[in-house]
Amino acid sequence: MITSSSLPMRGIASISRFTSARCLLFRPPPPLQWKPYPPSSSRSLLPRNTPLKPSRSLQTEAAPVVVSEEDSFGKKQVISLTPQLYDYVLSNVREPRILRELREETATMSGSQMQVSPDQAQLLAMLVQILGATRCIEVGVFTGYSSLAVALVLPESGYLVACERDAKCLEIAKNYYERAGVSHKVDVKQALAADTLKSLLDKGEDCSYDFAFLDAEKRKYDEYFEYLFRLVRIGGIIVVDNVLWHGKVANPHETNAKTDSIRKFNQKIFMDKRISTSIVPIGDGMTICRKIAET
């Protein structure tokens, strides 16, 4: 069991490292003119010929490169996204128009920050394509941005179980599934996620799914993960969102229940020999898990 007080603060993830004496600080270059040329079916998130404008940020210093305090990493420089650099990343995301419209509608809603970022959705879709997935599960749909991104790249015979308990959010999601022409691929389950996942197991659907995305109640991650682990086949992938939890997991002074539960979950995943795993610092942090054994 891991506690906030026992978490080591050495490594790359520490927020305090932005102002550490050993951190390499570089000022970002002046704004440039970008001319993205996305495929016709998609569009860049920023208009062509538009200078990048700084995003709102909680950062007080620009520190796009950090260096681990651990000497064994060889002073490796690691990118830390500044507002300007993140705008550049977004300008290179290929976002289908229907996803952009859903993102913009969701942005007007309370709780819009729960929606995955466009670069995260693009990564999820690519993982599904690389895997050749045909059967997927999402736990925590919200208004459907990530599930729509997945459904769009599934084959016509593909199948996605979308678990969400909020009826209002699901109405928005279903509207966009219909508009995108993917409703036939998405099986919406309005219920508690645990109940839905149990019912799938009761139907004998163990090891029958290729891909799962978990982005729901953080204190139930452990329970949801174990259900998804049983449902996903050997070689399948489970992606878990918010594993860096706004940087709080690396701050020993953050001791609230959600933060502590995510720390414990991350430690469990790290120790789990049934999976291979990698934390990707995209969005609020995503862990990609590949199932390699049943036990």
C-alpha atoms as a PDB file:
ATOM      1  CA  MET A   1       0.000   0.000   0.000  1.00  0.00           C
ATOM      2  CA  ILE A   2       1.290   3.430  -0.878  1.00  0.00           C
ATOM      3  CA  THR A   3       0.565   6.620   1.016  1.00  0.00           C
ATOM      4  CA  SER A   4       1.104  10.230   0.091  1.00  0.00           C
ATOM      5  CA  SER A   5       3.788  10.622   2.723  1.00  0.00           C
ATOM      6  CA  SER A   6       5.775   7.672   1.363  1.00  0.00           C
ATOM      7  CA  LEU A   7       5.719   8.743  -2.276  1.00  0.00           C
ATOM      8  CA  PRO A   8       9.204   9.499  -3.588  1.00  0.00           C
ATOM      9  CA  MET A   9       9.564  12.949  -5.057  1.00  0.00           C
ATOM     10  CA  ARG A  10      12.529  12.111  -7.278  1.00  0.00           C
ATOM     11  CA  GLY A  11      11.847  11.803 -10.964  1.00  0.00           C
ATOM     12  CA  ILE A  12      10.352  13.766 -13.795  1.00  0.00           C
ATOM     13  CA  ALA A  13       6.760  14.268 -12.708  1.00  0.00           C
ATOM     14  CA  SER A  14       7.254  16.637  -9.778  1.00  0.00           C
ATOM     15  CA  ILE A  15       5.607  20.004 -10.361  1.00  0.00           C
ATOM     16  CA  SER A  16       8.111  21.680  -8.081  1.00  0.00           C
ATOM     17  CA  ARG A  17      10.756  20.759 -10.629  1.00  0.00           C
ATOM     18  CA  PHE A  18       9.598  23.649 -12.815  1.00  0.00           C
ATOM     19  CA  THR A  19      11.409  26.005 -10.456  1.00  0.00           C
ATOM     20  CA  SER A  20      14.170  23.623  -9.322  1.00  0.00           C
ATOM     21  CA  ALA A  21      17.749  24.853  -9.563  1.00  0.00           C
ATOM     22  CA  ARG A  22      18.544  21.768 -11.616  1.00  0.00           C
ATOM     23  CA  CYS A  23      15.699  22.307 -14.029  1.00  0.00           C
ATOM     24  CA  LEU A  24      16.615  23.719 -17.431  1.00  0.00           C
ATOM     25  CA  LEU A  25      14.396  26.729 -18.102  1.00  0.00           C
ATOM     26  CA  PHE A  26      13.876  27.973 -21.623  1.00  0.00           C
ATOM     27  CA  ARG A  27      11.669  30.814 -22.710  1.00  0.00           C
ATOM     28  CA  PRO A  28       9.327  29.835 -25.557  1.00  0.00           C
ATOM     29  CA  PRO A  29      10.097  31.252 -29.013  1.00  0.00           C
ATOM     30  CA  PRO A  30       7.978  34.088 -30.418  1.00  0.00           C
ATOM     31  CA  PRO A  31       4.663  33.110 -32.065  1.00  0.00           C
ATOM     32  CA  LEU A  32       4.954  31.596 -35.527  1.00  0.00           C
ATOM     33  CA  GLN A  33       2.571  31.321 -38.450  1.00  0.00           C
ATOM     34  CA  TRP A  34       1.407  27.732 -38.909  1.00  0.00           C
ATOM     35  CA  LYS A  35      -0.171  26.441 -42.092  1.00  0.00           C
ATOM     36  CA  PRO A  36      -1.503  22.966 -41.310  1.00  0.00           C
ATOM     37  CA  TYR A  37      -2.753  20.889 -44.206  1.00  0.00           C
ATOM     38  CA  PRO A  38      -5.013  18.174 -42.747  1.00  0.00           C
ATOM     39  CA  PRO A  39      -6.883  15.566 -44.826  1.00  0.00           C
ATOM     40  CA  SER A  40     -10.174  16.722 -46.316  1.00  0.00           C
ATOM     41  CA  SER A  41     -12.193  14.640 -43.836  1.00  0.00           C
ATOM     42  CA  SER A  42     -10.602  16.369 -40.871  1.00  0.00           C
ATOM     43  CA  ARG A  43      -9.480  19.849 -39.922  1.00  0.00           C
ATOM     44  CA  SER A  44      -6.860  21.426 -37.729  1.00  0.00           C
ATOM     45  CA  LEU A  45      -8.162  22.828 -34.465  1.00  0.00           C
ATOM     46  CA  LEU A  46      -6.689  26.237 -35.326  1.00  0.00           C
ATOM     47  CA  PRO A  47      -7.535  28.185 -38.501  1.00  0.00           C
ATOM     48  CA  ARG A  48      -4.910  28.360 -41.194  1.00  0.00           C
ATOM     49  CA  ASN A  49      -2.594  31.365 -41.204  1.00  0.00           C
ATOM     50  CA  THR A  50      -3.590  32.199 -37.623  1.00  0.00           C
ATOM     51  CA  PRO A  51      -0.817  33.013 -35.114  1.00  0.00           C
ATOM     52  CA  LEU A  52      -0.877  30.794 -32.065  1.00  0.00           C
ATOM     53  CA  LYS A  53      -2.265  32.591 -29.048  1.00  0.00           C
ATOM     54  CA  PRO A  54      -1.229  31.688 -25.487  1.00  0.00           C
ATOM     55  CA  SER A  55      -3.717  29.495 -23.627  1.00  0.00           C
ATOM     56  CA  ARG A  56      -4.875  30.127 -20.098  1.00  0.00           C
ATOM     57  CA  SER A  57      -2.641  28.247 -17.718  1.00  0.00           C
ATOM     58  CA  LEU A  58      -1.949  27.811 -14.027  1.00  0.00           C
ATOM     59  CA  GLN A  59       1.787  27.860 -14.728  1.00  0.00           C
ATOM     60  CA  THR A  60       3.637  30.914 -13.476  1.00  0.00           C
ATOM     61  CA  GLU A  61       6.851  30.229 -15.371  1.00  0.00           C
ATOM     62  CA  ALA A  62       7.503  28.930 -18.860  1.00  0.00           C
ATOM     63  CA  ALA A  63       9.530  25.747 -18.493  1.00  0.00           C
ATOM     64  CA  PRO A  64       9.107  23.604 -21.612  1.00  0.00           C
ATOM     65  CA  VAL A  65      12.086  21.375 -20.752  1.00  0.00           C
ATOM     66  CA  VAL A  66      12.738  19.651 -17.430  1.00  0.00           C
ATOM     67  CA  VAL A  67      15.519  17.346 -16.294  1.00  0.00           C
ATOM     68  CA  SER A  68      15.168  14.577 -13.742  1.00  0.00           C
ATOM     69  CA  GLU A  69      17.019  15.071 -10.467  1.00  0.00           C
ATOM     70  CA  GLU A  70      18.060  11.415 -10.693  1.00  0.00           C
ATOM     71  CA  ASP A  71      21.573  11.390 -12.178  1.00  0.00           C
ATOM     72  CA  SER A  72      21.152   7.923 -13.662  1.00  0.00           C
ATOM     73  CA  PHE A  73      18.795   9.373 -16.292  1.00  0.00           C
ATOM     74  CA  GLY A  74      21.773  11.196 -17.774  1.00  0.00           C
ATOM     75  CA  LYS A  75      20.295  14.708 -17.680  1.00  0.00           C
ATOM     76  CA  LYS A  76      17.753  13.680 -20.310  1.00  0.00           C
ATOM     77  CA  GLN A  77      15.666  16.691 -21.322  1.00  0.00           C
ATOM     78  CA  VAL A  78      11.920  16.012 -21.262  1.00  0.00           C
ATOM     79  CA  ILE A  79       9.297  18.247 -22.813  1.00  0.00           C
ATOM     80  CA  SER A  80       6.806  19.912 -20.479  1.00  0.00           C
ATOM     81  CA  LEU A  81       3.959  21.526 -22.385  1.00  0.00           C
ATOM     82  CA  THR A  82       3.681  25.292 -22.108  1.00  0.00           C
ATOM     83  CA  PRO A  83       0.460  26.980 -23.275  1.00  0.00           C
ATOM     84  CA  GLN A  84       2.109  27.971 -26.548  1.00  0.00           C
ATOM     85  CA  LEU A  85       3.528  24.502 -27.171  1.00  0.00           C
ATOM     86  CA  TYR A  86       0.177  22.868 -26.394  1.00  0.00           C
ATOM     87  CA  ASP A  87      -1.511  25.185 -28.909  1.00  0.00           C
ATOM     88  CA  TYR A  88       0.996  23.886 -31.436  1.00  0.00           C
ATOM     89  CA  VAL A  89       0.089  20.290 -30.547  1.00  0.00           C
ATOM     90  CA  LEU A  90      -3.615  21.064 -30.972  1.00  0.00           C
ATOM     91  CA  SER A  91      -2.959  22.713 -34.321  1.00  0.00           C
ATOM     92  CA  ASN A  92      -1.675  19.332 -35.523  1.00  0.00           C
ATOM     93  CA  VAL A  93      -4.642  17.250 -34.369  1.00  0.00           C
ATOM     94  CA  ARG A  94      -6.793  15.865 -37.186  1.00  0.00           C
ATOM     95  CA  GLU A  95     -10.273  16.330 -35.783  1.00  0.00           C
ATOM     96  CA  PRO A  96     -13.308  15.330 -37.876  1.00  0.00           C
ATOM     97  CA  ARG A  97     -15.924  18.080 -38.095  1.00  0.00           C
ATOM     98  CA  ILE A  98     -18.523  16.070 -36.137  1.00  0.00           C
ATOM     99  CA  LEU A  99     -16.091  15.725 -33.218  1.00  0.00           C
ATOM    100  CA  ARG A 100     -15.307  19.424 -33.295  1.00  0.00           C
ATOM    101  CA  GLU A 101     -19.016  20.259 -33.142  1.00  0.00           C
ATOM    102  CA  LEU A 102     -19.517  17.930 -30.173  1.00  0.00           C
ATOM    103  CA  ARG A 103     -16.473  19.400 -28.413  1.00  0.00           C
ATOM    104  CA  GLU A 104     -17.745  22.934 -28.901  1.00  0.00           C
ATOM    105  CA  GLU A 105     -21.222  22.064 -27.617  1.00  0.00           C
ATOM    106  CA  THR A 106     -19.784  20.290 -24.583  1.00  0.00           C
ATOM    107  CA  ALA A 107     -17.584  23.312 -23.833  1.00  0.00           C
ATOM    108  CA  THR A 108     -20.715  25.312 -22.998  1.00  0.00           C
ATOM    109  CA  MET A 109     -21.809  22.803 -20.341  1.00  0.00           C
ATOM    110  CA  SER A 110     -21.071  22.545 -16.661  1.00  0.00           C
ATOM    111  CA  GLY A 111     -18.351  19.955 -16.095  1.00  0.00           C
ATOM    112  CA  SER A 112     -16.945  20.347 -19.613  1.00  0.00           C
ATOM    113  CA  GLN A 113     -13.457  19.736 -18.251  1.00  0.00           C
ATOM    114  CA  MET A 114     -14.375  16.050 -17.924  1.00  0.00           C
ATOM    115  CA  GLN A 115     -14.229  15.680 -21.700  1.00  0.00           C
ATOM    116  CA  VAL A 116     -11.003  14.171 -23.027  1.00  0.00           C
ATOM    117  CA  SER A 117      -8.794  16.501 -25.034  1.00  0.00           C
ATOM    118  CA  PRO A 118      -8.652  16.220 -28.837  1.00  0.00           C
ATOM    119  CA  ASP A 119      -5.099  14.858 -28.758  1.00  0.00           C
ATOM    120  CA  GLN A 120      -6.207  12.169 -26.301  1.00  0.00           C
ATOM    121  CA  ALA A 121      -9.134  11.180 -28.505  1.00  0.00           C
ATOM    122  CA  GLN A 122      -6.827  10.959 -31.503  1.00  0.00           C
ATOM    123  CA  LEU A 123      -4.518   8.626 -29.560  1.00  0.00           C
ATOM    124  CA  LEU A 124      -7.428   6.400 -28.492  1.00  0.00           C
ATOM    125  CA  ALA A 125      -8.643   6.119 -32.076  1.00  0.00           C
ATOM    126  CA  MET A 126      -5.168   5.261 -33.293  1.00  0.00           C
ATOM    127  CA  LEU A 127      -4.757   2.544 -30.642  1.00  0.00           C
ATOM    128  CA  VAL A 128      -8.045   0.990 -31.766  1.00  0.00           C
ATOM    129  CA  GLN A 129      -6.854   1.050 -35.377  1.00  0.00           C
ATOM    130  CA  ILE A 130      -3.405  -0.374 -34.580  1.00  0.00           C
ATOM    131  CA  LEU A 131      -5.009  -3.129 -32.537  1.00  0.00           C
ATOM    132  CA  GLY A 132      -7.511  -3.920 -35.292  1.00  0.00           C
ATOM    133  CA  ALA A 133     -10.183  -3.831 -32.607  1.00  0.00           C
ATOM    134  CA  THR A 134     -13.774  -4.719 -33.398  1.00  0.00           C
ATOM    135  CA  ARG A 135     -15.221  -4.986 -29.864  1.00  0.00           C
ATOM    136  CA  CYS A 136     -14.688  -2.148 -27.393  1.00  0.00           C
ATOM    137  CA  ILE A 137     -15.969  -0.883 -24.038  1.00  0.00           C
ATOM    138  CA  GLU A 138     -15.978   2.630 -22.616  1.00  0.00           C
ATOM    139  CA  VAL A 139     -16.699   3.249 -18.938  1.00  0.00           C
ATOM    140  CA  GLY A 140     -17.652   6.885 -18.433  1.00  0.00           C
ATOM    141  CA  VAL A 141     -19.040   8.329 -21.672  1.00  0.00           C
ATOM    142  CA  PHE A 142     -19.994  11.874 -20.568  1.00  0.00           C
ATOM    143  CA  THR A 143     -21.237  13.543 -23.791  1.00  0.00           C
ATOM    144  CA  GLY A 144     -19.568  11.006 -26.047  1.00  0.00           C
ATOM    145  CA  TYR A 145     -16.446  12.671 -27.456  1.00  0.00           C
ATOM    146  CA  SER A 146     -14.046   9.777 -26.843  1.00  0.00           C
ATOM    147  CA  SER A 147     -16.595   7.074 -27.659  1.00  0.00           C
ATOM    148  CA  LEU A 148     -17.481   8.835 -30.906  1.00  0.00           C
ATOM    149  CA  ALA A 149     -13.784   9.044 -31.827  1.00  0.00           C
ATOM    150  CA  VAL A 150     -13.533   5.277 -31.297  1.00  0.00           C
ATOM    151  CA  ALA A 151     -16.779   4.452 -33.101  1.00  0.00           C
ATOM    152  CA  LEU A 152     -15.698   6.470 -36.141  1.00  0.00           C
ATOM    153  CA  VAL A 153     -12.674   4.213 -36.695  1.00  0.00           C
ATOM    154  CA  LEU A 154     -14.372   0.901 -35.935  1.00  0.00           C
ATOM    155  CA  PRO A 155     -15.326  -1.221 -38.949  1.00  0.00           C
ATOM    156  CA  GLU A 156     -19.003  -1.320 -39.963  1.00  0.00           C
ATOM    157  CA  SER A 157     -19.377  -4.547 -37.996  1.00  0.00           C
ATOM    158  CA  GLY A 158     -17.680  -3.019 -34.944  1.00  0.00           C
ATOM    159  CA  TYR A 159     -19.309  -2.960 -31.524  1.00  0.00           C
ATOM    160  CA  LEU A 160     -18.825  -0.473 -28.668  1.00  0.00           C
ATOM    161  CA  VAL A 161     -20.456  -0.783 -25.247  1.00  0.00           C
ATOM    162  CA  ALA A 162     -20.882   2.761 -23.884  1.00  0.00           C
ATOM    163  CA  CYS A 163     -21.445   2.867 -20.102  1.00  0.00           C
ATOM    164  CA  GLU A 164     -22.870   6.069 -18.603  1.00  0.00           C
ATOM    165  CA  ARG A 165     -25.446   6.759 -15.898  1.00  0.00           C
ATOM    166  CA  ASP A 166     -26.206  10.421 -16.714  1.00  0.00           C
ATOM    167  CA  ALA A 167     -29.283  10.519 -18.959  1.00  0.00           C
ATOM    168  CA  LYS A 168     -28.779  14.137 -20.042  1.00  0.00           C
ATOM    169  CA  CYS A 169     -25.234  13.495 -21.184  1.00  0.00           C
ATOM    170  CA  LEU A 170     -26.279  10.348 -22.993  1.00  0.00           C
ATOM    171  CA  GLU A 171     -28.912  12.224 -24.981  1.00  0.00           C
ATOM    172  CA  ILE A 172     -26.194  14.475 -26.350  1.00  0.00           C
ATOM    173  CA  ALA A 173     -23.948  11.503 -27.080  1.00  0.00           C
ATOM    174  CA  LYS A 174     -26.694   9.564 -28.865  1.00  0.00           C
ATOM    175  CA  ASN A 175     -27.539  12.598 -30.987  1.00  0.00           C
ATOM    176  CA  TYR A 176     -23.955  12.761 -32.227  1.00  0.00           C
ATOM    177  CA  TYR A 177     -23.725   8.997 -32.763  1.00  0.00           C
ATOM    178  CA  GLU A 178     -26.767   9.346 -35.005  1.00  0.00           C
ATOM    179  CA  ARG A 179     -25.432  12.384 -36.855  1.00  0.00           C
ATOM    180  CA  ALA A 180     -22.098  10.644 -37.436  1.00  0.00           C
ATOM    181  CA  GLY A 181     -23.797   7.512 -38.738  1.00  0.00           C
ATOM    182  CA  VAL A 182     -22.319   5.207 -36.092  1.00  0.00           C
ATOM    183  CA  SER A 183     -25.375   4.475 -33.922  1.00  0.00           C
ATOM    184  CA  HIS A 184     -25.440   0.895 -35.176  1.00  0.00           C
ATOM    185  CA  LYS A 185     -21.968   0.366 -33.678  1.00  0.00           C
ATOM    186  CA  VAL A 186     -22.734   1.762 -30.203  1.00  0.00           C
ATOM    187  CA  ASP A 187     -24.663  -0.117 -27.508  1.00  0.00           C
ATOM    188  CA  VAL A 188     -25.548   2.540 -24.923  1.00  0.00           C
ATOM    189  CA  LYS A 189     -25.916   1.244 -21.362  1.00  0.00           C
ATOM    190  CA  GLN A 190     -27.517   3.778 -19.021  1.00  0.00           C
ATOM    191  CA  ALA A 191     -26.789   2.255 -15.623  1.00  0.00           C
ATOM    192  CA  LEU A 192     -24.127   2.017 -12.978  1.00  0.00           C
ATOM    193  CA  ALA A 193     -20.987   0.863 -14.758  1.00  0.00           C
ATOM    194  CA  ALA A 194     -20.339  -1.946 -12.292  1.00  0.00           C
ATOM    195  CA  ASP A 195     -23.787  -3.390 -12.954  1.00  0.00           C
ATOM    196  CA  THR A 196     -23.275  -3.245 -16.715  1.00  0.00           C
ATOM    197  CA  LEU A 197     -19.856  -4.879 -16.555  1.00  0.00           C
ATOM    198  CA  LYS A 198     -21.148  -7.622 -14.245  1.00  0.00           C
ATOM    199  CA  SER A 199     -24.002  -8.329 -16.659  1.00  0.00           C
ATOM    200  CA  LEU A 200     -21.553  -8.717 -19.552  1.00  0.00           C
ATOM    201  CA  LEU A 201     -19.582 -11.236 -17.526  1.00  0.00           C
ATOM    202  CA  ASP A 202     -22.775 -13.048 -16.543  1.00  0.00           C
ATOM    203  CA  LYS A 203     -23.543 -13.401 -20.261  1.00  0.00           C
ATOM    204  CA  GLY A 204     -20.251 -15.227 -20.749  1.00  0.00           C
ATOM    205  CA  GLU A 205     -18.441 -12.383 -22.539  1.00  0.00           C
ATOM    206  CA  ASP A 206     -15.146 -12.975 -20.743  1.00  0.00           C
ATOM    207  CA  CYS A 207     -12.076 -12.318 -22.920  1.00  0.00           C
ATOM    208  CA  SER A 208     -14.223 -11.206 -25.871  1.00  0.00           C
ATOM    209  CA  TYR A 209     -13.295  -7.517 -26.095  1.00  0.00           C
ATOM    210  CA  ASP A 210     -10.244  -5.998 -27.755  1.00  0.00           C
ATOM    211  CA  PHE A 211     -10.116  -2.532 -26.217  1.00  0.00           C
ATOM    212  CA  ALA A 212     -11.454  -0.695 -23.165  1.00  0.00           C
ATOM    213  CA  PHE A 213     -11.278   2.918 -22.013  1.00  0.00           C
ATOM    214  CA  LEU A 214     -11.827   3.773 -18.351  1.00  0.00           C
ATOM    215  CA  ASP A 215     -12.712   7.359 -17.426  1.00  0.00           C
ATOM    216  CA  ALA A 216     -15.237   7.199 -14.597  1.00  0.00           C
ATOM    217  CA  GLU A 217     -15.422   7.568 -10.794  1.00  0.00           C
ATOM    218  CA  LYS A 218     -11.780   7.601  -9.678  1.00  0.00           C
ATOM    219  CA  ARG A 219     -12.362   5.889  -6.349  1.00  0.00           C
ATOM    220  CA  LYS A 220     -13.814   2.904  -8.199  1.00  0.00           C
ATOM    221  CA  TYR A 221     -10.989   2.512 -10.683  1.00  0.00           C
ATOM    222  CA  ASP A 222      -9.716  -0.657  -9.039  1.00  0.00           C
ATOM    223  CA  GLU A 223     -13.138  -2.328  -9.206  1.00  0.00           C
ATOM    224  CA  TYR A 224     -13.801  -1.245 -12.803  1.00  0.00           C
ATOM    225  CA  PHE A 225     -10.346  -2.309 -13.920  1.00  0.00           C
ATOM    226  CA  GLU A 226     -10.782  -5.831 -12.604  1.00  0.00           C
ATOM    227  CA  TYR A 227     -14.072  -6.211 -14.494  1.00  0.00           C
ATOM    228  CA  LEU A 228     -12.510  -4.857 -17.675  1.00  0.00           C
ATOM    229  CA  PHE A 229      -9.496  -7.114 -17.248  1.00  0.00           C
ATOM    230  CA  ARG A 230     -11.778 -10.143 -17.314  1.00  0.00           C
ATOM    231  CA  LEU A 231     -13.660  -8.849 -20.352  1.00  0.00           C
ATOM    232  CA  VAL A 232     -10.603  -7.987 -22.465  1.00  0.00           C
ATOM    233  CA  ARG A 233      -8.772 -10.751 -24.341  1.00  0.00           C
ATOM    234  CA  ILE A 234      -5.081 -11.606 -24.082  1.00  0.00           C
ATOM    235  CA  GLY A 235      -3.279  -9.003 -26.163  1.00  0.00           C
ATOM    236  CA  GLY A 236      -6.120  -6.526 -25.682  1.00  0.00           C
ATOM    237  CA  ILE A 237      -5.668  -3.011 -24.333  1.00  0.00           C
ATOM    238  CA  ILE A 238      -7.168  -1.110 -21.393  1.00  0.00           C
ATOM    239  CA  VAL A 239      -6.547   2.654 -21.272  1.00  0.00           C
ATOM    240  CA  VAL A 240      -7.109   4.511 -18.000  1.00  0.00           C
ATOM    241  CA  ASP A 241      -7.509   8.297 -17.884  1.00  0.00           C
ATOM    242  CA  ASN A 242      -6.583  10.882 -15.204  1.00  0.00           C
ATOM    243  CA  VAL A 243      -3.749   8.855 -13.698  1.00  0.00           C
ATOM    244  CA  LEU A 244      -1.682  12.003 -13.029  1.00  0.00           C
ATOM    245  CA  TRP A 245      -4.690  13.784 -11.520  1.00  0.00           C
ATOM    246  CA  HIS A 246      -3.674  17.387 -12.247  1.00  0.00           C
ATOM    247  CA  GLY A 247      -0.194  16.643 -10.909  1.00  0.00           C
ATOM    248  CA  LYS A 248      -1.546  15.969  -7.430  1.00  0.00           C
ATOM    249  CA  VAL A 249      -0.301  12.353  -7.353  1.00  0.00           C
ATOM    250  CA  ALA A 250       3.279  13.659  -7.079  1.00  0.00           C
ATOM    251  CA  ASN A 251       2.493  16.162  -4.343  1.00  0.00           C
ATOM    252  CA  PRO A 252       2.790  14.628  -0.837  1.00  0.00           C
ATOM    253  CA  HIS A 253       0.675  17.451   0.586  1.00  0.00           C
ATOM    254  CA  GLU A 254      -2.330  16.327  -1.449  1.00  0.00           C
ATOM    255  CA  THR A 255      -4.050  13.768   0.763  1.00  0.00           C
ATOM    256  CA  ASN A 256      -7.716  13.842  -0.308  1.00  0.00           C
ATOM    257  CA  ALA A 257      -9.537  10.571  -0.988  1.00  0.00           C
ATOM    258  CA  LYS A 258      -9.557  10.777  -4.793  1.00  0.00           C
ATOM    259  CA  THR A 259      -5.876  11.621  -5.047  1.00  0.00           C
ATOM    260  CA  ASP A 260      -4.912   8.862  -2.649  1.00  0.00           C
ATOM    261  CA  SER A 261      -7.075   6.315  -4.470  1.00  0.00           C
ATOM    262  CA  ILE A 262      -5.406   7.149  -7.788  1.00  0.00           C
ATOM    263  CA  ARG A 263      -1.954   6.807  -6.190  1.00  0.00           C
ATOM    264  CA  LYS A 264      -2.903   3.378  -4.865  1.00  0.00           C
ATOM    265  CA  PHE A 265      -4.359   2.380  -8.222  1.00  0.00           C
ATOM    266  CA  ASN A 266      -1.201   3.500 -10.061  1.00  0.00           C
ATOM    267  CA  GLN A 267       0.948   1.508  -7.643  1.00  0.00           C
ATOM    268  CA  LYS A 268      -1.237  -1.565  -8.144  1.00  0.00           C
ATOM    269  CA  ILE A 269      -0.987  -1.290 -11.933  1.00  0.00           C
ATOM    270  CA  PHE A 270       2.786  -0.889 -11.692  1.00  0.00           C
ATOM    271  CA  MET A 271       3.027  -4.115  -9.681  1.00  0.00           C
ATOM    272  CA  ASP A 272       0.513  -6.106 -11.790  1.00  0.00           C
ATOM    273  CA  LYS A 273       2.366  -8.872 -13.664  1.00  0.00           C
ATOM    274  CA  ARG A 274      -0.701  -9.726 -15.755  1.00  0.00           C
ATOM    275  CA  ILE A 275      -0.186  -6.627 -17.893  1.00  0.00           C
ATOM    276  CA  SER A 276       2.484  -4.579 -19.589  1.00  0.00           C
ATOM    277  CA  THR A 277       1.959  -0.907 -18.940  1.00  0.00           C
ATOM    278  CA  SER A 278       3.039   2.630 -19.792  1.00  0.00           C
ATOM    279  CA  ILE A 279       1.974   6.000 -18.391  1.00  0.00           C
ATOM    280  CA  VAL A 280       1.648   8.557 -21.179  1.00  0.00           C
ATOM    281  CA  PRO A 281       1.714  12.218 -20.041  1.00  0.00           C
ATOM    282  CA  ILE A 282      -1.062  13.346 -22.369  1.00  0.00           C
ATOM    283  CA  GLY A 283      -4.126  15.206 -21.126  1.00  0.00           C
ATOM    284  CA  ASP A 284      -4.343  14.459 -17.405  1.00  0.00           C
ATOM    285  CA  GLY A 285      -2.201  11.361 -17.840  1.00  0.00           C
ATOM    286  CA  MET A 286      -3.250   8.077 -19.442  1.00  0.00           C
ATOM    287  CA  THR A 287      -2.026   4.586 -18.577  1.00  0.00           C
ATOM    288  CA  ILE A 288      -2.022   2.108 -21.449  1.00  0.00           C
ATOM    289  CA  CYS A 289      -2.238  -1.494 -20.257  1.00  0.00           C
ATOM    290  CA  ARG A 290      -1.819  -4.563 -22.480  1.00  0.00           C
ATOM    291  CA  LYS A 291      -3.166  -7.829 -21.095  1.00  0.00           C
ATOM    292  CA  ILE A 292      -0.460 -10.499 -21.296  1.00  0.00           C
ATOM    293  CA  ALA A 293      -1.745 -13.168 -18.890  1.00  0.00           C
ATOM    294  CA  GLU A 294      -4.958 -14.239 -17.168  1.00  0.00           C
ATOM    295  CA  THR A 295      -3.335 -14.696 -13.772  1.00  0.00           C
END
